[in-house]
Amino acid sequence: MEIRDVYQNYYQYIFNYALKLTCHPEDALDVTQDTFLKAMEKLNTLENENALASWLRTICFREFVNRAQKDPKKYLTEPVEWEKLEAEGILLAGVTPQPEEEVIVAEEIRNLQNGCFLAMVRKLTLHQRIVFSLVDMYGLPIEHVAGILGVSRGAAKGLLYRARMNIDSFFAGHCGIIDEKNPCSCKAWIAFSLNRSDLQSRAKKLIERLDFEQKNYTYDERVRKRVMYLYRHMPEQKPSDEWYQRVLALLE
């Protein structure tokens, strides 16, 4: 097995994984590059080629954690109340996303929504972001994510509960797709981007951190289903060809 083949087959997969963890495209590119450079060094230690995707994910996750520890302010690290999370884990509700026909999303605004979700996930604390990104945005089992973090399943469920409530509470009061009465419209943002110089002064600064308790938000299954549909159907992103060739040159 050659590192070139591994890179060609998995670079987009790992980039999207890194993007969901970092929520910063530039950081995702760096983490992805570091992942394959580290994989090149350790490729001969991989015993089971069938576990390649999981092995690369583990390397990528560790590279992300190293980056987050170097810049805790950027990734909103803070002390974790593990006992409270264990208790909140039992509140985690399992729901099925809405059928596609019930959440109408125009193709031309999907990339804009992708950026919107990444911006909101940035506002979660580090542990919330990790669990939310890996479970709800990348589809990994909660047990697997608990193992990655080295915490109990109950604590991981508590983190996911808090992350979902924080995300839901924001979109419930802002996103026009979730509720047509809300002020924020994807089409309005497209217009904003086209007239950015004129409208920039009107833009409001986003909150520094999401906290559903401060908004007195309570669980709403309709909101959860619509939000879950949207973030599970975010389009996959692909790095530029220039980046791809640069990393390939480093590997060779």
C-alpha atoms as a PDB file:
ATOM      1  CA  MET A   1       0.000   0.000   0.000  1.00  0.00           C
ATOM      2  CA  GLU A   2       1.448   3.323  -1.123  1.00  0.00           C
ATOM      3  CA  ILE A   3       0.830   6.628   0.653  1.00  0.00           C
ATOM      4  CA  ARG A   4       0.020   8.215  -2.723  1.00  0.00           C
ATOM      5  CA  ASP A   5      -2.891   5.789  -3.178  1.00  0.00           C
ATOM      6  CA  VAL A   6      -4.081   6.374   0.396  1.00  0.00           C
ATOM      7  CA  TYR A   7      -3.994  10.115  -0.150  1.00  0.00           C
ATOM      8  CA  GLN A   8      -5.826  10.001  -3.466  1.00  0.00           C
ATOM      9  CA  ASN A   9      -8.564   7.769  -2.066  1.00  0.00           C
ATOM     10  CA  TYR A  10      -9.094   9.496   1.277  1.00  0.00           C
ATOM     11  CA  TYR A  11      -8.035  13.142   1.097  1.00  0.00           C
ATOM     12  CA  GLN A  12     -11.563  14.475   0.523  1.00  0.00           C
ATOM     13  CA  TYR A  13     -13.000  12.195   3.218  1.00  0.00           C
ATOM     14  CA  ILE A  14     -10.437  13.378   5.779  1.00  0.00           C
ATOM     15  CA  PHE A  15     -10.754  17.024   4.736  1.00  0.00           C
ATOM     16  CA  ASN A  16     -14.508  16.959   5.367  1.00  0.00           C
ATOM     17  CA  TYR A  17     -13.908  15.219   8.687  1.00  0.00           C
ATOM     18  CA  ALA A  18     -11.378  17.915   9.656  1.00  0.00           C
ATOM     19  CA  LEU A  19     -13.714  20.661   8.452  1.00  0.00           C
ATOM     20  CA  LYS A  20     -16.510  19.450  10.708  1.00  0.00           C
ATOM     21  CA  LEU A  21     -14.127  19.387  13.674  1.00  0.00           C
ATOM     22  CA  THR A  22     -12.396  22.712  13.110  1.00  0.00           C
ATOM     23  CA  CYS A  23     -15.238  24.637  11.434  1.00  0.00           C
ATOM     24  CA  HIS A  24     -12.464  26.710   9.840  1.00  0.00           C
ATOM     25  CA  PRO A  25     -11.607  25.802   6.204  1.00  0.00           C
ATOM     26  CA  GLU A  26      -8.012  27.016   6.539  1.00  0.00           C
ATOM     27  CA  ASP A  27      -7.477  24.962   9.699  1.00  0.00           C
ATOM     28  CA  ALA A  28      -9.094  21.956   8.032  1.00  0.00           C
ATOM     29  CA  LEU A  29      -6.557  22.144   5.199  1.00  0.00           C
ATOM     30  CA  ASP A  30      -3.676  22.266   7.687  1.00  0.00           C
ATOM     31  CA  VAL A  31      -5.062  19.412   9.797  1.00  0.00           C
ATOM     32  CA  THR A  32      -5.642  17.286   6.685  1.00  0.00           C
ATOM     33  CA  GLN A  33      -2.103  17.914   5.446  1.00  0.00           C
ATOM     34  CA  ASP A  34      -0.634  17.052   8.862  1.00  0.00           C
ATOM     35  CA  THR A  35      -2.791  13.909   8.977  1.00  0.00           C
ATOM     36  CA  PHE A  36      -1.317  12.515   5.759  1.00  0.00           C
ATOM     37  CA  LEU A  37       2.210  13.512   6.660  1.00  0.00           C
ATOM     38  CA  LYS A  38       1.817  11.629   9.952  1.00  0.00           C
ATOM     39  CA  ALA A  39       0.191   8.711   8.119  1.00  0.00           C
ATOM     40  CA  MET A  40       3.186   8.557   5.762  1.00  0.00           C
ATOM     41  CA  GLU A  41       5.493   8.145   8.764  1.00  0.00           C
ATOM     42  CA  LYS A  42       3.402   5.395  10.348  1.00  0.00           C
ATOM     43  CA  LEU A  43       1.866   3.599   7.370  1.00  0.00           C
ATOM     44  CA  ASN A  44       4.004   0.502   7.950  1.00  0.00           C
ATOM     45  CA  THR A  45       2.467   0.116  11.432  1.00  0.00           C
ATOM     46  CA  LEU A  46      -1.055  -0.375  10.044  1.00  0.00           C
ATOM     47  CA  GLU A  47      -1.839  -4.088  10.398  1.00  0.00           C
ATOM     48  CA  ASN A  48      -5.328  -4.187   8.893  1.00  0.00           C
ATOM     49  CA  GLU A  49      -5.972  -2.296   5.646  1.00  0.00           C
ATOM     50  CA  ASN A  50      -9.717  -2.633   6.237  1.00  0.00           C
ATOM     51  CA  ALA A  51      -9.294  -0.300   9.213  1.00  0.00           C
ATOM     52  CA  LEU A  52      -7.624   2.402   7.110  1.00  0.00           C
ATOM     53  CA  ALA A  53     -10.480   4.933   7.309  1.00  0.00           C
ATOM     54  CA  SER A  54     -10.762   4.564  11.073  1.00  0.00           C
ATOM     55  CA  TRP A  55      -6.971   4.814  11.437  1.00  0.00           C
ATOM     56  CA  LEU A  56      -6.850   8.025   9.418  1.00  0.00           C
ATOM     57  CA  ARG A  57      -9.772   9.466  11.408  1.00  0.00           C
ATOM     58  CA  THR A  58      -7.906   8.794  14.634  1.00  0.00           C
ATOM     59  CA  ILE A  59      -4.783  10.550  13.360  1.00  0.00           C
ATOM     60  CA  CYS A  60      -6.868  13.467  12.126  1.00  0.00           C
ATOM     61  CA  PHE A  61      -8.677  13.776  15.446  1.00  0.00           C
ATOM     62  CA  ARG A  62      -5.401  13.859  17.370  1.00  0.00           C
ATOM     63  CA  GLU A  63      -4.007  16.527  15.060  1.00  0.00           C
ATOM     64  CA  PHE A  64      -7.150  18.589  15.648  1.00  0.00           C
ATOM     65  CA  VAL A  65      -6.909  18.205  19.438  1.00  0.00           C
ATOM     66  CA  ASN A  66      -3.261  19.292  19.334  1.00  0.00           C
ATOM     67  CA  ARG A  67      -4.279  22.402  17.399  1.00  0.00           C
ATOM     68  CA  ALA A  68      -7.168  23.134  19.761  1.00  0.00           C
ATOM     69  CA  GLN A  69      -4.932  22.873  22.819  1.00  0.00           C
ATOM     70  CA  LYS A  70      -2.549  25.423  21.298  1.00  0.00           C
ATOM     71  CA  ASP A  71      -5.370  27.912  20.703  1.00  0.00           C
ATOM     72  CA  PRO A  72      -8.004  27.307  23.427  1.00  0.00           C
ATOM     73  CA  LYS A  73      -9.680  30.686  22.920  1.00  0.00           C
ATOM     74  CA  LYS A  74     -10.411  29.920  19.293  1.00  0.00           C
ATOM     75  CA  TYR A  75     -11.946  26.563  20.153  1.00  0.00           C
ATOM     76  CA  LEU A  76     -13.767  27.655  23.334  1.00  0.00           C
ATOM     77  CA  THR A  77     -12.216  25.195  25.728  1.00  0.00           C
ATOM     78  CA  GLU A  78     -13.481  25.335  29.314  1.00  0.00           C
ATOM     79  CA  PRO A  79     -13.792  23.114  32.405  1.00  0.00           C
ATOM     80  CA  VAL A  80     -16.293  20.299  31.911  1.00  0.00           C
ATOM     81  CA  GLU A  81     -18.956  19.465  34.517  1.00  0.00           C
ATOM     82  CA  TRP A  82     -18.897  15.707  34.021  1.00  0.00           C
ATOM     83  CA  GLU A  83     -21.458  14.852  36.731  1.00  0.00           C
ATOM     84  CA  LYS A  84     -23.961  17.289  35.220  1.00  0.00           C
ATOM     85  CA  LEU A  85     -23.362  15.832  31.770  1.00  0.00           C
ATOM     86  CA  GLU A  86     -23.959  12.309  33.063  1.00  0.00           C
ATOM     87  CA  ALA A  87     -27.311  13.449  34.423  1.00  0.00           C
ATOM     88  CA  GLU A  88     -28.249  15.279  31.229  1.00  0.00           C
ATOM     89  CA  GLY A  89     -27.388  12.259  29.106  1.00  0.00           C
ATOM     90  CA  ILE A  90     -30.737  10.659  29.963  1.00  0.00           C
ATOM     91  CA  LEU A  91     -32.507  13.679  28.395  1.00  0.00           C
ATOM     92  CA  LEU A  92     -31.080  12.980  24.932  1.00  0.00           C
ATOM     93  CA  ALA A  93     -33.960  12.440  22.521  1.00  0.00           C
ATOM     94  CA  GLY A  94     -33.688  10.240  19.463  1.00  0.00           C
ATOM     95  CA  VAL A  95     -35.543  11.559  16.427  1.00  0.00           C
ATOM     96  CA  THR A  96     -35.828  10.737  12.744  1.00  0.00           C
ATOM     97  CA  PRO A  97     -35.025  13.529  10.268  1.00  0.00           C
ATOM     98  CA  GLN A  98     -37.888  14.911   8.221  1.00  0.00           C
ATOM     99  CA  PRO A  99     -38.452  13.494   4.728  1.00  0.00           C
ATOM    100  CA  GLU A 100     -36.749  15.562   2.062  1.00  0.00           C
ATOM    101  CA  GLU A 101     -40.023  16.882   0.666  1.00  0.00           C
ATOM    102  CA  GLU A 102     -40.836  18.487   4.019  1.00  0.00           C
ATOM    103  CA  VAL A 103     -37.641  20.540   4.119  1.00  0.00           C
ATOM    104  CA  ILE A 104     -37.316  22.377   0.848  1.00  0.00           C
ATOM    105  CA  VAL A 105     -33.745  23.474   0.236  1.00  0.00           C
ATOM    106  CA  ALA A 106     -32.820  25.190  -3.025  1.00  0.00           C
ATOM    107  CA  GLU A 107     -29.640  23.751  -4.526  1.00  0.00           C
ATOM    108  CA  GLU A 108     -28.027  27.177  -4.996  1.00  0.00           C
ATOM    109  CA  ILE A 109     -28.143  27.959  -1.269  1.00  0.00           C
ATOM    110  CA  ARG A 110     -26.824  24.665   0.120  1.00  0.00           C
ATOM    111  CA  ASN A 111     -23.220  25.874   0.280  1.00  0.00           C
ATOM    112  CA  LEU A 112     -24.395  28.996   2.100  1.00  0.00           C
ATOM    113  CA  GLN A 113     -26.179  26.799   4.640  1.00  0.00           C
ATOM    114  CA  ASN A 114     -23.007  24.746   4.987  1.00  0.00           C
ATOM    115  CA  GLY A 115     -21.160  27.888   6.048  1.00  0.00           C
ATOM    116  CA  CYS A 116     -23.994  28.863   8.371  1.00  0.00           C
ATOM    117  CA  PHE A 117     -23.877  25.553  10.255  1.00  0.00           C
ATOM    118  CA  LEU A 118     -20.093  25.641  10.510  1.00  0.00           C
ATOM    119  CA  ALA A 119     -20.303  29.163  11.925  1.00  0.00           C
ATOM    120  CA  MET A 120     -22.761  28.056  14.594  1.00  0.00           C
ATOM    121  CA  VAL A 121     -20.826  24.914  15.508  1.00  0.00           C
ATOM    122  CA  ARG A 122     -17.817  27.169  16.159  1.00  0.00           C
ATOM    123  CA  LYS A 123     -19.820  28.642  19.037  1.00  0.00           C
ATOM    124  CA  LEU A 124     -20.034  25.315  20.851  1.00  0.00           C
ATOM    125  CA  THR A 125     -17.488  24.446  23.517  1.00  0.00           C
ATOM    126  CA  LEU A 126     -14.687  22.146  22.383  1.00  0.00           C
ATOM    127  CA  HIS A 127     -16.153  18.926  23.821  1.00  0.00           C
ATOM    128  CA  GLN A 128     -19.649  19.755  22.567  1.00  0.00           C
ATOM    129  CA  ARG A 129     -18.262  20.466  19.107  1.00  0.00           C
ATOM    130  CA  ILE A 130     -16.375  17.185  18.974  1.00  0.00           C
ATOM    131  CA  VAL A 131     -19.370  15.048  19.933  1.00  0.00           C
ATOM    132  CA  PHE A 132     -21.853  17.002  17.804  1.00  0.00           C
ATOM    133  CA  SER A 133     -19.568  16.970  14.762  1.00  0.00           C
ATOM    134  CA  LEU A 134     -18.680  13.295  14.939  1.00  0.00           C
ATOM    135  CA  VAL A 135     -22.133  11.960  15.817  1.00  0.00           C
ATOM    136  CA  ASP A 136     -24.597  14.274  14.076  1.00  0.00           C
ATOM    137  CA  MET A 137     -22.497  15.666  11.252  1.00  0.00           C
ATOM    138  CA  TYR A 138     -20.347  12.607  10.525  1.00  0.00           C
ATOM    139  CA  GLY A 139     -22.537   9.716  11.641  1.00  0.00           C
ATOM    140  CA  LEU A 140     -20.200   7.983  14.101  1.00  0.00           C
ATOM    141  CA  PRO A 141     -21.778   5.943  16.931  1.00  0.00           C
ATOM    142  CA  ILE A 142     -21.945   7.682  20.325  1.00  0.00           C
ATOM    143  CA  GLU A 143     -20.025   4.760  21.861  1.00  0.00           C
ATOM    144  CA  HIS A 144     -17.182   5.254  19.386  1.00  0.00           C
ATOM    145  CA  VAL A 145     -16.976   8.978  20.119  1.00  0.00           C
ATOM    146  CA  ALA A 146     -17.028   8.330  23.872  1.00  0.00           C
ATOM    147  CA  GLY A 147     -14.037   6.028  23.352  1.00  0.00           C
ATOM    148  CA  ILE A 148     -12.173   8.665  21.332  1.00  0.00           C
ATOM    149  CA  LEU A 149     -12.681  11.203  24.126  1.00  0.00           C
ATOM    150  CA  GLY A 150     -12.011   8.709  26.908  1.00  0.00           C
ATOM    151  CA  VAL A 151     -15.312   9.484  28.674  1.00  0.00           C
ATOM    152  CA  SER A 152     -18.339   7.424  29.641  1.00  0.00           C
ATOM    153  CA  ARG A 153     -21.222   6.888  27.222  1.00  0.00           C
ATOM    154  CA  GLY A 154     -23.461   8.883  29.590  1.00  0.00           C
ATOM    155  CA  ALA A 155     -21.107  11.873  29.549  1.00  0.00           C
ATOM    156  CA  ALA A 156     -20.863  11.739  25.760  1.00  0.00           C
ATOM    157  CA  LYS A 157     -24.658  11.671  25.528  1.00  0.00           C
ATOM    158  CA  GLY A 158     -24.783  14.670  27.868  1.00  0.00           C
ATOM    159  CA  LEU A 159     -22.394  16.575  25.633  1.00  0.00           C
ATOM    160  CA  LEU A 160     -24.493  15.713  22.596  1.00  0.00           C
ATOM    161  CA  TYR A 161     -27.663  16.802  24.400  1.00  0.00           C
ATOM    162  CA  ARG A 162     -26.149  20.208  25.240  1.00  0.00           C
ATOM    163  CA  ALA A 163     -24.737  20.668  21.736  1.00  0.00           C
ATOM    164  CA  ARG A 164     -28.058  19.832  20.083  1.00  0.00           C
ATOM    165  CA  MET A 165     -30.008  22.103  22.410  1.00  0.00           C
ATOM    166  CA  ASN A 166     -27.587  24.971  21.761  1.00  0.00           C
ATOM    167  CA  ILE A 167     -27.751  24.534  17.988  1.00  0.00           C
ATOM    168  CA  ASP A 168     -31.527  24.045  17.999  1.00  0.00           C
ATOM    169  CA  SER A 169     -32.124  27.095  20.176  1.00  0.00           C
ATOM    170  CA  PHE A 170     -30.166  29.305  17.798  1.00  0.00           C
ATOM    171  CA  PHE A 171     -31.819  28.083  14.599  1.00  0.00           C
ATOM    172  CA  ALA A 172     -35.283  28.017  16.186  1.00  0.00           C
ATOM    173  CA  GLY A 173     -35.078  31.780  16.636  1.00  0.00           C
ATOM    174  CA  HIS A 174     -33.148  32.748  13.505  1.00  0.00           C
ATOM    175  CA  CYS A 175     -33.489  30.402  10.523  1.00  0.00           C
ATOM    176  CA  GLY A 176     -36.345  30.979   8.099  1.00  0.00           C
ATOM    177  CA  ILE A 177     -36.212  27.357   6.905  1.00  0.00           C
ATOM    178  CA  ILE A 178     -36.881  26.120  10.431  1.00  0.00           C
ATOM    179  CA  ASP A 179     -39.691  28.633  10.932  1.00  0.00           C
ATOM    180  CA  GLU A 180     -40.915  30.951   8.187  1.00  0.00           C
ATOM    181  CA  LYS A 181     -41.532  33.673  10.798  1.00  0.00           C
ATOM    182  CA  ASN A 182     -37.821  33.919  11.577  1.00  0.00           C
ATOM    183  CA  PRO A 183     -35.873  36.885  10.174  1.00  0.00           C
ATOM    184  CA  CYS A 184     -32.899  35.102   8.601  1.00  0.00           C
ATOM    185  CA  SER A 185     -33.238  34.023   4.968  1.00  0.00           C
ATOM    186  CA  CYS A 186     -30.587  32.284   2.879  1.00  0.00           C
ATOM    187  CA  LYS A 187     -31.709  34.323  -0.148  1.00  0.00           C
ATOM    188  CA  ALA A 188     -31.288  37.484   1.889  1.00  0.00           C
ATOM    189  CA  TRP A 189     -27.700  36.457   2.647  1.00  0.00           C
ATOM    190  CA  ILE A 190     -27.074  35.916  -1.044  1.00  0.00           C
ATOM    191  CA  ALA A 191     -28.273  39.461  -1.647  1.00  0.00           C
ATOM    192  CA  PHE A 192     -26.099  40.609   1.249  1.00  0.00           C
ATOM    193  CA  SER A 193     -23.019  39.012  -0.274  1.00  0.00           C
ATOM    194  CA  LEU A 194     -23.698  40.720  -3.600  1.00  0.00           C
ATOM    195  CA  ASN A 195     -23.992  44.114  -1.892  1.00  0.00           C
ATOM    196  CA  ARG A 196     -21.593  43.521   0.952  1.00  0.00           C
ATOM    197  CA  SER A 197     -19.853  46.886   0.914  1.00  0.00           C
ATOM    198  CA  ASP A 198     -23.178  48.714   1.315  1.00  0.00           C
ATOM    199  CA  LEU A 199     -24.730  46.379   3.869  1.00  0.00           C
ATOM    200  CA  GLN A 200     -21.763  45.345   5.999  1.00  0.00           C
ATOM    201  CA  SER A 201     -22.326  48.071   8.586  1.00  0.00           C
ATOM    202  CA  ARG A 202     -25.785  46.691   9.295  1.00  0.00           C
ATOM    203  CA  ALA A 203     -24.596  43.185  10.114  1.00  0.00           C
ATOM    204  CA  LYS A 204     -24.933  42.237  13.774  1.00  0.00           C
ATOM    205  CA  LYS A 205     -22.116  40.528  15.590  1.00  0.00           C
ATOM    206  CA  LEU A 206     -22.886  36.882  16.353  1.00  0.00           C
ATOM    207  CA  ILE A 207     -22.861  35.767  19.959  1.00  0.00           C
ATOM    208  CA  GLU A 208     -19.517  34.472  21.161  1.00  0.00           C
ATOM    209  CA  ARG A 209     -20.909  31.240  22.539  1.00  0.00           C
ATOM    210  CA  LEU A 210     -24.195  29.379  22.304  1.00  0.00           C
ATOM    211  CA  ASP A 211     -26.034  28.697  25.562  1.00  0.00           C
ATOM    212  CA  PHE A 212     -29.613  27.477  25.275  1.00  0.00           C
ATOM    213  CA  GLU A 213     -30.216  27.948  29.004  1.00  0.00           C
ATOM    214  CA  GLN A 214     -29.683  31.713  28.751  1.00  0.00           C
ATOM    215  CA  LYS A 215     -32.421  31.851  26.118  1.00  0.00           C
ATOM    216  CA  ASN A 216     -34.767  29.645  28.189  1.00  0.00           C
ATOM    217  CA  TYR A 217     -35.070  27.358  25.189  1.00  0.00           C
ATOM    218  CA  THR A 218     -36.957  24.086  25.666  1.00  0.00           C
ATOM    219  CA  TYR A 219     -36.886  21.022  23.450  1.00  0.00           C
ATOM    220  CA  ASP A 220     -39.025  21.229  20.310  1.00  0.00           C
ATOM    221  CA  GLU A 221     -39.194  18.044  18.243  1.00  0.00           C
ATOM    222  CA  ARG A 222     -40.253  19.874  15.074  1.00  0.00           C
ATOM    223  CA  VAL A 223     -37.196  22.137  15.302  1.00  0.00           C
ATOM    224  CA  ARG A 224     -34.920  19.167  16.049  1.00  0.00           C
ATOM    225  CA  LYS A 225     -36.135  17.214  13.022  1.00  0.00           C
ATOM    226  CA  ARG A 226     -35.668  20.104  10.621  1.00  0.00           C
ATOM    227  CA  VAL A 227     -32.273  21.093  11.969  1.00  0.00           C
ATOM    228  CA  MET A 228     -31.133  17.456  11.915  1.00  0.00           C
ATOM    229  CA  TYR A 229     -32.209  17.081   8.301  1.00  0.00           C
ATOM    230  CA  LEU A 230     -30.273  20.169   7.273  1.00  0.00           C
ATOM    231  CA  TYR A 231     -26.994  19.340   8.974  1.00  0.00           C
ATOM    232  CA  ARG A 232     -27.111  15.723   7.820  1.00  0.00           C
ATOM    233  CA  HIS A 233     -27.443  16.877   4.224  1.00  0.00           C
ATOM    234  CA  MET A 234     -24.646  19.409   4.158  1.00  0.00           C
ATOM    235  CA  PRO A 235     -22.726  19.167   0.858  1.00  0.00           C
ATOM    236  CA  GLU A 236     -19.291  17.595   0.869  1.00  0.00           C
ATOM    237  CA  GLN A 237     -16.459  20.060   0.304  1.00  0.00           C
ATOM    238  CA  LYS A 238     -13.353  19.560  -1.821  1.00  0.00           C
ATOM    239  CA  PRO A 239     -10.008  21.343  -1.421  1.00  0.00           C
ATOM    240  CA  SER A 240      -8.521  23.183  -4.384  1.00  0.00           C
ATOM    241  CA  ASP A 241      -6.392  21.360  -6.944  1.00  0.00           C
ATOM    242  CA  GLU A 242      -3.427  23.548  -5.958  1.00  0.00           C
ATOM    243  CA  TRP A 243      -3.648  22.319  -2.358  1.00  0.00           C
ATOM    244  CA  TYR A 244      -4.000  18.715  -3.508  1.00  0.00           C
ATOM    245  CA  GLN A 245      -0.892  18.910  -5.677  1.00  0.00           C
ATOM    246  CA  ARG A 246       1.121  20.675  -2.965  1.00  0.00           C
ATOM    247  CA  VAL A 247       0.421  17.978  -0.383  1.00  0.00           C
ATOM    248  CA  LEU A 248       1.021  15.234  -2.939  1.00  0.00           C
ATOM    249  CA  ALA A 249       4.445  16.754  -3.627  1.00  0.00           C
ATOM    250  CA  LEU A 250       5.220  16.725   0.113  1.00  0.00           C
ATOM    251  CA  LEU A 251       4.252  13.054   0.356  1.00  0.00           C
ATOM    252  CA  GLU A 252       6.444  12.113  -2.583  1.00  0.00           C
END
